[in-house]
Amino acid sequence: MDTTINSVLELLDHKRLDKDLDYFREKQSTGENIAAFIYDKIAETSELNIIGIKIWENRKSYFEHTKEAR
């Protein structure tokens, strides 16, 4: 599982999302869209049956993407 997550996070690390990733040329790189991108990449590259992810921005704020949100 860690290998899958790390490989997805490497796609985002040190990137200008709107310039370097096709996904974000069509969509703004908002927290919600980043969460959706990570969810989709994990779902397509892993045998894990994930139901959702949360990305914490700070102690009080997070972005969530679930299977139902598709």
N, C-alpha and C. Protein backbone atom coordinates (compact mmCIF):
# COMPACT_ATOMS: atom_id res chain seq x y z
N MET A 1 0.83 -1.19 0.00
CA MET A 1 0.00 0.00 0.00
C MET A 1 0.87 1.26 0.00
N ASP A 2 1.90 1.29 0.83
CA ASP A 2 2.77 2.46 0.87
C ASP A 2 3.42 2.73 -0.47
N THR A 3 3.79 1.68 -1.18
CA THR A 3 4.42 1.84 -2.49
C THR A 3 3.46 2.51 -3.47
N THR A 4 2.20 2.11 -3.46
CA THR A 4 1.20 2.71 -4.34
C THR A 4 1.01 4.18 -4.01
N ILE A 5 0.84 4.49 -2.74
CA ILE A 5 0.62 5.88 -2.34
C ILE A 5 1.84 6.73 -2.65
N ASN A 6 3.02 6.22 -2.35
CA ASN A 6 4.24 6.98 -2.64
C ASN A 6 4.41 7.24 -4.13
N SER A 7 4.07 6.27 -4.97
CA SER A 7 4.21 6.47 -6.42
C SER A 7 3.23 7.54 -6.91
N VAL A 8 2.05 7.60 -6.33
CA VAL A 8 1.08 8.64 -6.71
C VAL A 8 1.54 10.00 -6.21
N LEU A 9 2.03 10.06 -4.99
CA LEU A 9 2.50 11.34 -4.46
C LEU A 9 3.71 11.86 -5.23
N GLU A 10 4.55 10.96 -5.74
CA GLU A 10 5.70 11.38 -6.55
C GLU A 10 5.24 12.09 -7.83
N LEU A 11 4.08 11.72 -8.34
CA LEU A 11 3.55 12.41 -9.52
C LEU A 11 3.28 13.89 -9.24
N LEU A 12 3.00 14.23 -7.99
CA LEU A 12 2.66 15.59 -7.61
C LEU A 12 3.84 16.38 -7.04
N ASP A 13 4.81 15.68 -6.51
CA ASP A 13 5.90 16.31 -5.78
C ASP A 13 6.77 17.20 -6.67
N HIS A 14 6.96 18.42 -6.24
CA HIS A 14 7.78 19.41 -6.92
C HIS A 14 7.32 19.67 -8.36
N LYS A 15 6.03 19.66 -8.55
CA LYS A 15 5.46 19.90 -9.88
C LYS A 15 4.65 21.19 -9.89
N ARG A 16 4.62 21.81 -11.03
CA ARG A 16 3.64 22.88 -11.29
C ARG A 16 2.46 22.16 -11.91
N LEU A 17 1.46 21.91 -11.10
CA LEU A 17 0.38 21.00 -11.50
C LEU A 17 -0.27 21.41 -12.81
N ASP A 18 -0.56 22.69 -12.98
CA ASP A 18 -1.25 23.14 -14.19
C ASP A 18 -0.37 23.05 -15.44
N LYS A 19 0.92 22.95 -15.28
CA LYS A 19 1.83 22.87 -16.43
C LYS A 19 2.35 21.45 -16.66
N ASP A 20 2.57 20.71 -15.57
CA ASP A 20 3.26 19.43 -15.67
C ASP A 20 2.34 18.20 -15.74
N LEU A 21 1.09 18.34 -15.37
CA LEU A 21 0.18 17.19 -15.37
C LEU A 21 -1.04 17.50 -16.24
N ASP A 22 -1.29 16.64 -17.20
CA ASP A 22 -2.43 16.83 -18.10
C ASP A 22 -3.75 16.97 -17.35
N TYR A 23 -3.93 16.21 -16.29
CA TYR A 23 -5.16 16.23 -15.50
C TYR A 23 -5.53 17.65 -15.08
N PHE A 24 -4.52 18.44 -14.71
CA PHE A 24 -4.78 19.78 -14.19
C PHE A 24 -4.74 20.86 -15.27
N ARG A 25 -4.55 20.48 -16.50
CA ARG A 25 -4.68 21.45 -17.59
C ARG A 25 -6.16 21.73 -17.85
N GLU A 26 -6.99 20.76 -17.54
CA GLU A 26 -8.43 20.88 -17.73
C GLU A 26 -9.16 21.32 -16.46
N LYS A 27 -8.54 21.08 -15.31
CA LYS A 27 -9.17 21.38 -14.02
C LYS A 27 -8.24 22.23 -13.18
N GLN A 28 -8.81 23.12 -12.38
CA GLN A 28 -7.99 23.90 -11.46
C GLN A 28 -7.40 22.98 -10.39
N SER A 29 -6.23 23.32 -9.91
CA SER A 29 -5.57 22.50 -8.90
C SER A 29 -6.04 22.87 -7.49
N THR A 30 -7.34 22.76 -7.28
CA THR A 30 -7.92 23.00 -5.96
C THR A 30 -7.69 21.78 -5.08
N GLY A 31 -7.87 21.94 -3.79
CA GLY A 31 -7.75 20.81 -2.87
C GLY A 31 -8.69 19.68 -3.23
N GLU A 32 -9.89 20.02 -3.63
CA GLU A 32 -10.87 19.01 -4.01
C GLU A 32 -10.41 18.21 -5.23
N ASN A 33 -9.87 18.92 -6.23
CA ASN A 33 -9.42 18.24 -7.44
C ASN A 33 -8.14 17.44 -7.21
N ILE A 34 -7.28 17.91 -6.33
CA ILE A 34 -6.08 17.15 -5.98
C ILE A 34 -6.49 15.86 -5.27
N ALA A 35 -7.46 15.95 -4.36
CA ALA A 35 -7.96 14.75 -3.68
C ALA A 35 -8.56 13.76 -4.68
N ALA A 36 -9.32 14.27 -5.64
CA ALA A 36 -9.91 13.41 -6.67
C ALA A 36 -8.82 12.76 -7.52
N PHE A 37 -7.79 13.51 -7.87
CA PHE A 37 -6.68 12.97 -8.66
C PHE A 37 -6.00 11.83 -7.91
N ILE A 38 -5.69 12.05 -6.63
CA ILE A 38 -5.02 11.02 -5.83
C ILE A 38 -5.91 9.79 -5.71
N TYR A 39 -7.19 10.01 -5.43
CA TYR A 39 -8.13 8.87 -5.33
C TYR A 39 -8.15 8.07 -6.63
N ASP A 40 -8.30 8.76 -7.75
CA ASP A 40 -8.38 8.07 -9.04
C ASP A 40 -7.11 7.30 -9.36
N LYS A 41 -5.95 7.89 -9.10
CA LYS A 41 -4.69 7.22 -9.39
C LYS A 41 -4.50 5.99 -8.51
N ILE A 42 -4.84 6.09 -7.23
CA ILE A 42 -4.73 4.93 -6.35
C ILE A 42 -5.70 3.84 -6.81
N ALA A 43 -6.91 4.23 -7.15
CA ALA A 43 -7.92 3.26 -7.58
C ALA A 43 -7.52 2.54 -8.87
N GLU A 44 -6.89 3.24 -9.79
CA GLU A 44 -6.54 2.62 -11.07
C GLU A 44 -5.22 1.84 -11.02
N THR A 45 -4.36 2.11 -10.05
CA THR A 45 -3.06 1.44 -10.02
C THR A 45 -2.92 0.43 -8.89
N SER A 46 -3.98 0.22 -8.14
CA SER A 46 -3.87 -0.65 -6.98
C SER A 46 -5.03 -1.64 -6.95
N GLU A 47 -4.80 -2.75 -6.29
CA GLU A 47 -5.87 -3.72 -6.09
C GLU A 47 -6.67 -3.40 -4.83
N LEU A 48 -6.29 -2.35 -4.14
CA LEU A 48 -7.02 -1.94 -2.95
C LEU A 48 -8.42 -1.47 -3.32
N ASN A 49 -9.38 -1.77 -2.50
CA ASN A 49 -10.74 -1.30 -2.71
C ASN A 49 -10.96 -0.10 -1.79
N ILE A 50 -10.45 1.04 -2.21
CA ILE A 50 -10.57 2.22 -1.35
C ILE A 50 -11.95 2.84 -1.52
N ILE A 51 -12.44 3.42 -0.44
CA ILE A 51 -13.75 4.07 -0.51
C ILE A 51 -13.65 5.58 -0.44
N GLY A 52 -12.48 6.10 -0.03
CA GLY A 52 -12.31 7.54 0.02
C GLY A 52 -10.96 7.91 0.58
N ILE A 53 -10.62 9.18 0.41
CA ILE A 53 -9.39 9.71 0.99
C ILE A 53 -9.67 11.08 1.58
N LYS A 54 -8.85 11.47 2.54
CA LYS A 54 -8.87 12.81 3.11
C LYS A 54 -7.48 13.39 3.01
N ILE A 55 -7.40 14.63 2.61
CA ILE A 55 -6.14 15.36 2.58
C ILE A 55 -6.30 16.54 3.53
N TRP A 56 -5.49 16.53 4.57
CA TRP A 56 -5.57 17.58 5.58
C TRP A 56 -4.71 18.76 5.15
N GLU A 57 -5.34 19.95 5.15
CA GLU A 57 -4.63 21.18 4.84
C GLU A 57 -4.01 21.76 6.11
N ASN A 58 -4.75 21.67 7.19
CA ASN A 58 -4.29 22.09 8.52
C ASN A 58 -5.13 21.36 9.55
N ARG A 59 -5.04 21.74 10.80
CA ARG A 59 -5.77 21.02 11.86
C ARG A 59 -7.28 21.07 11.71
N LYS A 60 -7.78 22.10 11.07
CA LYS A 60 -9.24 22.28 10.99
C LYS A 60 -9.82 22.09 9.60
N SER A 61 -8.98 21.99 8.61
CA SER A 61 -9.46 21.99 7.23
C SER A 61 -8.91 20.80 6.46
N TYR A 62 -9.82 20.12 5.75
CA TYR A 62 -9.39 18.99 4.93
C TYR A 62 -10.26 18.89 3.68
N PHE A 63 -9.76 18.14 2.71
CA PHE A 63 -10.49 17.85 1.49
C PHE A 63 -10.72 16.36 1.44
N GLU A 64 -11.90 15.99 1.00
CA GLU A 64 -12.27 14.57 0.99
C GLU A 64 -12.83 14.21 -0.37
N HIS A 65 -12.47 13.02 -0.82
CA HIS A 65 -13.04 12.48 -2.06
C HIS A 65 -13.43 11.04 -1.80
N THR A 66 -14.64 10.69 -2.13
CA THR A 66 -15.13 9.33 -1.89
C THR A 66 -15.61 8.70 -3.19
N LYS A 67 -15.79 7.42 -3.12
CA LYS A 67 -16.28 6.66 -4.28
C LYS A 67 -17.61 7.25 -4.78
N GLU A 68 -18.47 7.66 -3.86
CA GLU A 68 -19.79 8.18 -4.21
C GLU A 68 -19.69 9.53 -4.92
N ALA A 69 -18.57 10.24 -4.74
CA ALA A 69 -18.42 11.59 -5.31
C ALA A 69 -18.17 11.55 -6.81
N ARG A 70 -17.92 10.39 -7.37
CA ARG A 70 -17.56 10.28 -8.78
C ARG A 70 -18.70 10.63 -9.64
